[in-house]
């Protein structure tokens, strides 16, 4: 919603569609298959035009890119921890696959 840079917007859309959503689905399936009840998901946020966001409330593209970079690095660390702490081989391998996707 906040980015005006088309390359950054395409990168974010690709990241969400190809990586994040597939990870969420795999984790949901794992939890459901092991009898864990999932909490209700919050409703999706509405899409806003960058022109409708007031300049003082808008997050600039450099801030968005920096935050995404930090989140990807934190995701790598979290996947590494999950791989190391996992008692089940299949779960460890799943987080290993997530780690490989994030590292690319």
Foldseek 3Di string as FASTA:
>chain_A
DQEPDPVVVVVVVCCVVPAVVVLVVVVVVVCVVVPHDDDDDDDDDDDDDNVVQDPVRGDYPVNVVVVVVVVLVVLLVVLVVCLVPDPDPVSNVSSVVSNVVSVD
